[in-house]
Amino acid sequence: MNHNLNIERLLNSKTFANKEVLKGLLKYIHEESGKGASLKETDIAIGFFKRGTGFIPGEDTIVRVNIYKLRSLLEKYYSEEAAADEDVIEIPKGSYSLKVKSKENVLKPSSKRRGRREGLKIGIAISLMVNIVLIALLIIGNSKKSTTYNPVWSSYLLSAQPVYITLGDPFFFRVKNKNSPSGSLIVRDIAINSKEDLETYKPKDLLKNESEISELNYPYFSRNNLWPLPQLISTFAKASIETRLQTLSESSIDDIKNNNVVFIANINSFGWMNEFMEKTSLKLFTNPRQIRLYQGKDSKVFTVPEYVKGKYEDYAFLVKLPGSNNNTITLMGDFHPSGLRGLSTFINNKKSLQELEQLSHKKYGHFPEYFEMLVKVTSYNYSDFDTKLVHFKSLE
C-alpha cells in the first residue's frame, strides 16, 4: 500500500475540504512520522504551530485541541468516505504519530475491548461531549428534559475550546458642554462606532461651544443582545463547554482569531466585526437600515423602519464562518430587539430546526458546518409572533 497516495486522498477528500489547518497538521505529522520521529506535543507546537521554545503544554492547549479534531475527522473519513478501505491511518490515543492499521482491528474490536471503548466514550462525552449522538442523550444539571441535538451549534459542542460569547456594545462618547445642566452629554451617533471614528468624524455642531469630546469608559448594552443568551448559555452548559462572556470593546482581534466565538449585536454596533460579513452574501447598512442580499448579479433589499410602533417587520441573520486558526466564528445581528428574539426561537424550536435540516439536506446533502441564514420576524411593539426563513446558503 502506498501511504503517500493514501495521505493525498485524505487531503483531497470532502471530509477535509476547507480544513486547511488540519490538513497542514496531518501533512506535517505524516512527514515527521516518515522520518521515524516520535513526535511529542512540544514538537508539534514549535514545529507546526510556531509557538516558540517558551511553549508550556499546561497553559496552551492548541496541540491537544487540534489533534482531537484531527482524530475525529480521520474517524469520519474512514467511516463515511473511505468505508471500503481495508487499512486506515490513525493517530493512536496517547501518541502524536501516524500509524497504519487494519480497519478490522480498528473498527471491529472484541466484545471485551468494545465494552472498554464504549465506557471510555461515555466518560469522554460527559466531559467533552465528543459524540453528537451522546449530546442528545447525556445532559448535566438538574433538568429532567433531554438535550436535543442542534446542528447550528454542533461544531461548538464537538470542540474542546471554550466559547467566547461577545456582545456588541454601542459606542457612546461624552461631550463636556457648559450649556448642559450636568456639564456633559452622553451621545450616541450610529456613524461613530470606535475611538478612531470619533477622532475622524468629530461632530461640528457639538463643538460650537468649544466642547471637549472623549470616549466613554464604560459600556452600554442594547437589549437586542440579551434575547439569545439564556438558550445559548444553557446549550453550552449542558454540554460542559466552558463559556466566557465579554463585550466587543473588551475583546481583541486575537480573541476572535484564536477562539470559538459567538458575536451578538445590534447591526448599528457591529463595529469592526462587520469585516467578517464581507465573506458572505449579506451586506449591512445603517442609514437607511437595510440588509442587502446579493445573489450573482441580482440583489434583494430588506428595509427596516428606524422607529417602530405597532406591527412591523424586522430581519435577523446568523452567519457561521471558519476562523483563521481552526476556530469557528458565529455572527448574530438585527436592528430591533424582536429580530434576535425571533431568530433565537427559530433555531431552538424542534419543528423549525427539522424543516431547516430537511431544506439543507435537500439542497446540499448534509447540514453545512458553515452557512448564512436570514429570517423575517413579524412583530408587534417589540414582541415577535412569527418568524420565517428568507435565505439559507452553505459557506463551505
Protein backbone atom coordinates (compact mmCIF):
# COMPACT_ATOMS: atom_id res chain seq x y z
CA MET A 1 0.00 0.00 0.00
CA ASN A 2 1.32 3.46 -0.94
CA HIS A 3 0.89 5.56 2.19
CA ASN A 4 1.77 8.76 0.33
CA LEU A 5 -1.12 8.20 -2.07
CA ASN A 6 -3.39 7.47 0.88
CA ILE A 7 -2.42 10.76 2.50
CA GLU A 8 -3.10 12.63 -0.75
CA ARG A 9 -6.56 11.04 -0.92
CA LEU A 10 -7.18 12.21 2.64
CA LEU A 11 -6.02 15.74 1.95
CA ASN A 12 -8.17 16.00 -1.18
CA SER A 13 -11.26 14.40 0.36
CA LYS A 14 -14.61 16.08 1.03
CA THR A 15 -14.17 15.40 4.73
CA PHE A 16 -11.05 17.57 4.83
CA ALA A 17 -12.39 20.27 2.47
CA ASN A 18 -11.84 23.78 3.91
CA LYS A 19 -9.98 22.31 6.91
CA GLU A 20 -6.69 23.97 5.99
CA VAL A 21 -5.15 23.92 9.47
CA LEU A 22 -5.97 20.26 9.99
CA LYS A 23 -4.73 19.33 6.50
CA GLY A 24 -1.46 21.10 7.22
CA LEU A 25 -1.18 19.36 10.58
CA LEU A 26 -1.85 15.94 9.03
CA LYS A 27 0.75 16.55 6.33
CA TYR A 28 3.31 17.71 8.93
CA ILE A 29 2.75 14.66 11.16
CA HIS A 30 2.94 12.34 8.13
CA GLU A 31 6.25 13.82 7.02
CA GLU A 32 7.77 13.69 10.51
CA SER A 33 6.47 10.16 11.10
CA GLY A 34 8.05 9.15 7.78
CA LYS A 35 11.40 10.30 9.13
CA GLY A 36 10.97 7.96 12.08
CA ALA A 37 10.35 10.76 14.56
CA SER A 38 8.40 10.02 17.72
CA LEU A 39 6.52 13.28 17.98
CA LYS A 40 5.63 14.94 21.24
CA GLU A 41 3.20 17.77 21.98
CA THR A 42 6.01 20.30 22.23
CA ASP A 43 7.47 19.19 18.86
CA ILE A 44 4.17 19.94 17.09
CA ALA A 45 3.66 23.22 18.95
CA ILE A 46 7.08 24.50 17.91
CA GLY A 47 7.46 22.77 14.53
CA PHE A 48 3.96 23.31 13.13
CA PHE A 49 2.16 25.95 15.19
CA LYS A 50 5.33 28.09 15.58
CA ARG A 51 4.73 28.61 19.28
CA GLY A 52 8.40 29.15 20.13
CA THR A 53 10.66 27.45 22.65
CA GLY A 54 8.73 29.01 25.54
CA PHE A 55 5.70 26.82 24.82
CA ILE A 56 4.14 25.40 28.01
CA PRO A 57 1.68 22.50 27.36
CA GLY A 58 -0.25 23.12 30.56
CA GLU A 59 -1.01 26.71 29.56
CA ASP A 60 -1.61 26.30 25.81
CA THR A 61 -3.96 23.55 24.54
CA ILE A 62 -3.60 24.27 20.82
CA VAL A 63 -1.92 20.91 20.03
CA ARG A 64 -4.33 18.75 22.02
CA VAL A 65 -7.39 20.56 20.66
CA ASN A 66 -6.30 20.18 17.04
CA ILE A 67 -5.11 16.58 17.43
CA TYR A 68 -8.52 15.77 18.90
CA LYS A 69 -10.22 17.37 15.91
CA LEU A 70 -7.89 15.58 13.50
CA ARG A 71 -8.67 12.19 15.09
CA SER A 72 -12.39 12.94 14.74
CA LEU A 73 -12.01 13.84 11.06
CA LEU A 74 -9.98 10.68 10.35
CA GLU A 75 -12.66 8.62 12.04
CA LYS A 76 -15.35 10.33 9.97
CA TYR A 77 -13.39 9.87 6.73
CA TYR A 78 -12.92 6.12 7.19
CA SER A 79 -16.50 5.52 8.34
CA GLU A 80 -18.09 7.52 5.50
CA GLU A 81 -15.91 8.45 2.53
CA ALA A 82 -13.45 5.55 2.64
CA ALA A 83 -15.70 2.87 4.12
CA ALA A 84 -14.36 0.30 1.62
CA ASP A 85 -10.69 0.76 2.59
CA GLU A 86 -9.11 -2.22 4.34
CA ASP A 87 -6.42 -0.20 6.10
CA VAL A 88 -6.76 3.08 7.97
CA ILE A 89 -4.36 5.79 9.03
CA GLU A 90 -4.84 6.86 12.62
CA ILE A 91 -3.23 8.80 15.45
CA PRO A 92 -3.44 6.42 18.42
CA LYS A 93 -4.55 7.85 21.76
CA GLY A 94 -1.54 8.90 23.79
CA SER A 95 0.53 9.36 20.63
CA TYR A 96 1.18 12.17 18.15
CA SER A 97 2.47 9.99 15.29
CA LEU A 98 0.63 8.33 12.42
CA LYS A 99 0.06 4.57 12.36
CA VAL A 100 -1.47 2.32 9.69
CA LYS A 101 -3.78 -0.41 10.96
CA SER A 102 -6.27 -2.88 9.57
CA LYS A 103 -9.79 -1.49 9.70
CA GLU A 104 -10.95 -4.83 11.08
CA ASN A 105 -8.76 -4.33 14.13
CA VAL A 106 -9.63 -0.65 14.50
CA LEU A 107 -13.38 -0.71 13.88
CA LYS A 108 -14.32 -4.27 14.93
CA PRO A 109 -12.74 -4.94 18.32
CA SER A 110 -13.59 -7.87 20.52
CA SER A 111 -16.66 -7.51 22.71
CA LYS A 112 -14.46 -7.09 25.77
CA ARG A 113 -12.41 -4.38 24.08
CA ARG A 114 -15.58 -2.82 22.69
CA GLY A 115 -17.00 -2.62 26.19
CA ARG A 116 -13.91 -0.79 27.42
CA ARG A 117 -14.07 1.56 24.42
CA GLU A 118 -17.75 2.35 24.92
CA GLY A 119 -17.09 3.06 28.58
CA LEU A 120 -14.29 5.39 27.56
CA LYS A 121 -16.54 7.13 25.02
CA ILE A 122 -19.18 7.76 27.64
CA GLY A 123 -16.58 9.16 30.04
CA ILE A 124 -15.21 11.48 27.37
CA ALA A 125 -18.71 12.52 26.31
CA ILE A 126 -19.61 13.63 29.82
CA SER A 127 -16.61 15.96 29.97
CA LEU A 128 -16.10 16.98 26.34
CA MET A 129 -19.31 15.86 24.54
CA VAL A 130 -17.32 14.47 21.63
CA ASN A 131 -20.14 12.50 20.05
CA ILE A 132 -23.18 14.20 18.54
CA VAL A 133 -25.46 11.30 19.45
CA LEU A 134 -24.36 11.42 23.06
CA ILE A 135 -25.04 15.14 23.11
CA ALA A 136 -28.69 14.28 22.57
CA LEU A 137 -28.68 11.60 25.29
CA LEU A 138 -26.40 12.91 28.02
CA ILE A 139 -27.24 16.06 29.93
CA ILE A 140 -25.92 17.73 33.00
CA GLY A 141 -27.67 19.81 35.58
CA ASN A 142 -30.94 19.26 37.38
CA SER A 143 -33.27 19.39 34.39
CA LYS A 144 -35.03 16.12 33.53
CA LYS A 145 -35.58 17.22 29.94
CA SER A 146 -33.23 15.67 27.38
CA THR A 147 -30.90 17.89 25.38
CA THR A 148 -31.84 17.97 21.70
CA TYR A 149 -29.11 17.86 19.09
CA ASN A 150 -28.85 21.26 17.44
CA PRO A 151 -26.98 21.32 14.09
CA VAL A 152 -26.42 25.08 14.38
CA TRP A 153 -24.07 24.63 17.36
CA SER A 154 -22.73 21.13 16.68
CA SER A 155 -19.16 22.26 15.86
CA TYR A 156 -19.00 24.17 19.16
CA LEU A 157 -20.25 21.17 21.12
CA LEU A 158 -17.67 18.90 19.50
CA SER A 159 -14.78 21.25 20.23
CA ALA A 160 -12.64 21.28 23.34
CA GLN A 161 -12.12 25.02 23.01
CA PRO A 162 -14.02 27.49 25.22
CA VAL A 163 -16.67 29.69 23.63
CA TYR A 164 -16.30 33.45 23.86
CA ILE A 165 -19.80 34.94 23.78
CA THR A 166 -19.07 38.50 22.71
CA LEU A 167 -21.69 41.24 22.97
CA GLY A 168 -21.53 44.29 20.75
CA ASP A 169 -21.74 47.37 22.94
CA PRO A 170 -22.82 50.56 21.11
CA PHE A 171 -20.12 53.21 21.09
CA PHE A 172 -21.07 56.24 23.23
CA PHE A 173 -18.97 59.31 23.87
CA ARG A 174 -19.00 62.14 26.40
CA VAL A 175 -19.29 65.79 25.43
CA LYS A 176 -18.37 68.43 28.01
CA ASN A 177 -20.68 71.35 27.39
CA LYS A 178 -21.18 74.44 29.57
CA ASN A 179 -24.76 74.75 28.32
CA SER A 180 -25.70 71.30 29.66
CA PRO A 181 -27.23 71.21 33.20
CA SER A 182 -24.91 68.38 34.22
CA GLY A 183 -21.91 69.87 32.47
CA SER A 184 -21.71 66.99 29.98
CA LEU A 185 -23.74 64.99 27.48
CA ILE A 186 -23.66 61.28 26.69
CA VAL A 187 -24.02 60.93 22.92
CA ARG A 188 -24.69 58.01 20.56
CA ASP A 189 -24.13 58.59 16.84
CA ILE A 190 -24.59 55.49 14.63
CA ALA A 191 -21.91 56.84 12.26
CA ILE A 192 -19.35 56.74 15.09
CA ASN A 193 -18.56 53.22 16.29
CA SER A 194 -14.99 53.41 17.54
CA LYS A 195 -12.41 55.72 19.05
CA GLU A 196 -10.89 56.10 15.58
CA ASP A 197 -14.27 57.17 14.16
CA LEU A 198 -14.62 59.68 16.97
CA GLU A 199 -11.27 61.26 16.15
CA THR A 200 -12.06 61.35 12.43
CA TYR A 201 -15.69 62.48 12.49
CA LYS A 202 -15.96 64.87 15.43
CA PRO A 203 -19.50 66.33 15.23
CA LYS A 204 -19.05 70.03 14.43
CA ASP A 205 -22.37 71.08 15.96
CA LEU A 206 -21.23 69.74 19.34
CA LEU A 207 -18.03 71.75 19.18
CA LYS A 208 -19.67 75.17 18.78
CA ASN A 209 -19.12 75.92 22.44
CA GLU A 210 -15.57 74.56 22.39
CA SER A 211 -16.78 71.32 23.99
CA GLU A 212 -14.33 68.57 24.84
CA ILE A 213 -15.22 65.18 23.35
CA SER A 214 -13.91 61.91 24.85
CA GLU A 215 -14.61 58.19 24.72
CA LEU A 216 -16.92 56.86 27.42
CA ASN A 217 -15.01 54.48 29.67
CA TYR A 218 -17.89 52.10 30.49
CA PRO A 219 -20.14 50.11 28.15
CA TYR A 220 -23.79 50.44 27.25
CA PHE A 221 -25.80 47.47 26.04
CA SER A 222 -28.61 47.06 23.58
CA ARG A 223 -31.36 44.75 24.79
CA ASN A 224 -31.08 43.04 21.39
CA ASN A 225 -28.03 41.22 22.77
CA LEU A 226 -29.89 39.65 25.65
CA TRP A 227 -32.53 37.51 23.93
CA PRO A 228 -30.27 34.67 22.66
CA LEU A 229 -28.21 34.46 25.87
CA PRO A 230 -30.32 32.17 28.12
CA GLN A 231 -30.76 29.44 25.49
CA LEU A 232 -27.19 29.79 24.25
CA ILE A 233 -25.58 29.57 27.69
CA SER A 234 -27.86 26.68 28.63
CA THR A 235 -26.89 24.75 25.47
CA PHE A 236 -23.16 25.10 26.17
CA ALA A 237 -23.53 24.49 29.91
CA LYS A 238 -25.37 21.20 29.37
CA ALA A 239 -22.53 20.10 27.10
CA SER A 240 -19.89 21.11 29.68
CA ILE A 241 -18.44 23.68 27.29
CA GLU A 242 -16.55 26.47 29.04
CA THR A 243 -18.24 29.79 28.26
CA ARG A 244 -16.78 33.25 28.68
CA LEU A 245 -18.85 36.41 28.41
CA GLN A 246 -17.26 39.65 27.23
CA THR A 247 -18.02 42.84 25.30
CA LEU A 248 -16.61 43.75 21.92
CA SER A 249 -14.81 46.73 23.44
CA GLU A 250 -13.07 44.37 25.90
CA SER A 251 -12.00 41.86 23.25
CA SER A 252 -9.05 41.92 20.89
CA ILE A 253 -8.57 40.65 17.36
CA ASP A 254 -6.51 37.77 18.85
CA ASP A 255 -9.53 36.69 20.91
CA ILE A 256 -11.58 36.46 17.72
CA LYS A 257 -8.88 34.77 15.64
CA ASN A 258 -7.87 32.10 18.15
CA ASN A 259 -11.09 31.05 19.89
CA ASN A 260 -14.59 29.85 19.17
CA VAL A 261 -16.71 32.99 19.18
CA VAL A 262 -20.42 33.81 19.14
CA PHE A 263 -20.86 37.53 18.46
CA ILE A 264 -24.29 39.05 19.19
CA ALA A 265 -25.10 42.67 18.40
CA ASN A 266 -27.47 45.25 17.07
CA ILE A 267 -26.38 45.92 13.48
CA ASN A 268 -25.70 49.55 14.38
CA SER A 269 -22.99 48.42 16.80
CA PHE A 270 -21.22 45.73 14.76
CA GLY A 271 -18.10 47.88 14.60
CA TRP A 272 -15.02 46.16 13.14
CA MET A 273 -16.76 42.77 13.29
CA ASN A 274 -18.61 43.86 10.16
CA GLU A 275 -15.45 42.94 8.22
CA PHE A 276 -16.35 39.25 8.59
CA MET A 277 -19.60 39.89 6.69
CA GLU A 278 -17.54 40.55 3.56
CA LYS A 279 -17.21 36.77 3.17
CA THR A 280 -21.00 36.42 2.88
CA SER A 281 -23.83 37.39 0.52
CA LEU A 282 -25.24 39.76 3.15
CA LYS A 283 -24.31 43.43 3.39
CA LEU A 284 -25.36 45.67 6.28
CA PHE A 285 -26.38 49.33 6.06
CA THR A 286 -27.35 51.59 8.95
CA ASN A 287 -28.71 54.64 7.13
CA PRO A 288 -31.24 53.66 5.94
CA ARG A 289 -31.49 50.47 7.96
CA GLN A 290 -31.11 47.73 5.36
CA ILE A 291 -29.82 44.23 4.79
CA ARG A 292 -28.96 43.57 1.16
CA LEU A 293 -28.74 40.03 -0.16
CA TYR A 294 -26.51 39.64 -3.24
CA GLN A 295 -27.07 36.57 -5.44
CA GLY A 296 -24.86 36.84 -8.50
CA LYS A 297 -25.88 39.97 -10.41
CA ASP A 298 -29.20 40.15 -8.57
CA SER A 299 -29.84 41.63 -5.17
CA LYS A 300 -32.71 41.90 -2.72
CA VAL A 301 -33.13 44.74 -0.26
CA PHE A 302 -34.75 44.26 3.15
CA THR A 303 -35.52 47.58 4.82
CA VAL A 304 -36.37 48.02 8.49
CA PRO A 305 -38.05 51.18 9.86
CA GLU A 306 -35.95 53.36 12.13
CA TYR A 307 -38.76 53.84 14.63
CA VAL A 308 -41.30 51.13 15.34
CA LYS A 309 -44.76 51.16 16.82
CA GLY A 310 -47.50 48.61 16.42
CA LYS A 311 -46.96 45.97 13.74
CA TYR A 312 -43.69 45.92 11.77
CA GLU A 313 -41.16 43.53 10.20
CA ASP A 314 -37.62 43.09 11.45
CA TYR A 315 -34.86 40.96 9.94
CA ALA A 316 -32.16 38.99 11.74
CA PHE A 317 -29.29 36.89 10.46
CA LEU A 318 -26.93 34.19 11.67
CA VAL A 319 -23.62 33.69 9.88
CA LYS A 320 -21.24 30.87 10.80
CA LEU A 321 -17.69 31.15 9.42
CA PRO A 322 -14.37 29.32 9.77
CA GLY A 323 -11.77 31.28 11.73
CA SER A 324 -8.12 31.57 10.77
CA ASN A 325 -6.86 29.19 13.48
CA ASN A 326 -9.20 26.21 13.17
CA ASN A 327 -11.84 28.00 15.21
CA THR A 328 -15.44 28.97 14.47
CA ILE A 329 -16.96 32.45 14.39
CA THR A 330 -20.73 32.98 14.51
CA LEU A 331 -22.31 36.40 14.00
CA MET A 332 -25.90 37.16 15.03
CA GLY A 333 -27.49 40.54 14.38
CA ASP A 334 -30.70 42.52 13.96
CA PHE A 335 -31.97 46.11 14.02
CA HIS A 336 -34.68 45.87 16.70
CA PRO A 337 -34.92 43.52 19.73
CA SER A 338 -37.66 41.40 18.15
CA GLY A 339 -35.33 40.25 15.37
CA LEU A 340 -32.86 38.31 17.50
CA ARG A 341 -35.66 37.08 19.73
CA GLY A 342 -37.41 35.59 16.69
CA LEU A 343 -34.14 34.14 15.36
CA SER A 344 -33.30 32.60 18.74
CA THR A 345 -36.73 30.97 18.92
CA PHE A 346 -36.38 29.69 15.35
CA ILE A 347 -33.01 27.95 15.84
CA ASN A 348 -34.12 26.35 19.11
CA ASN A 349 -37.58 25.20 18.03
CA LYS A 350 -37.76 21.48 17.18
CA LYS A 351 -40.16 21.90 14.26
CA SER A 352 -38.34 24.80 12.57
CA LEU A 353 -34.97 23.06 13.07
CA GLN A 354 -36.29 19.92 11.39
CA GLU A 355 -37.55 21.99 8.46
CA LEU A 356 -34.17 23.73 8.22
CA GLU A 357 -32.36 20.38 8.24
CA GLN A 358 -34.68 18.98 5.57
CA LEU A 359 -34.09 22.02 3.38
CA SER A 360 -30.33 21.74 3.88
CA HIS A 361 -30.18 18.01 3.12
CA LYS A 362 -32.31 18.50 0.01
CA LYS A 363 -30.06 21.32 -1.18
CA TYR A 364 -26.60 20.12 -0.09
CA GLY A 365 -26.96 16.52 1.04
CA HIS A 366 -25.99 17.43 4.61
CA PHE A 367 -26.19 20.26 7.12
CA PRO A 368 -23.18 22.52 6.40
CA GLU A 369 -20.78 23.40 9.17
CA TYR A 370 -20.52 26.95 7.81
CA PHE A 371 -23.54 28.81 6.48
CA GLU A 372 -25.52 32.04 6.38
CA MET A 373 -29.22 32.46 7.11
CA LEU A 374 -31.67 35.35 7.18
CA VAL A 375 -35.11 35.36 8.83
CA LYS A 376 -38.04 37.78 8.69
CA VAL A 377 -39.62 38.42 12.06
CA THR A 378 -43.13 39.87 12.13
CA SER A 379 -43.51 41.84 15.35
CA TYR A 380 -45.85 43.99 17.36
CA ASN A 381 -44.40 46.57 19.74
CA TYR A 382 -41.06 44.70 20.02
CA SER A 383 -42.76 41.32 20.54
CA ASP A 384 -42.17 38.68 17.87
CA PHE A 385 -45.09 36.49 16.87
CA ASP A 386 -43.99 34.91 13.57
CA THR A 387 -40.57 34.05 12.10
CA LYS A 388 -39.97 32.86 8.52
CA LEU A 389 -36.76 31.70 6.87
CA VAL A 390 -35.87 34.04 3.98
CA HIS A 391 -32.43 32.78 2.96
CA PHE A 392 -30.12 29.86 3.71
CA LYS A 393 -26.80 29.22 1.98
CA SER A 394 -23.82 26.95 2.65
CA LEU A 395 -20.44 28.71 3.02
CA GLU A 396 -18.37 25.53 2.80
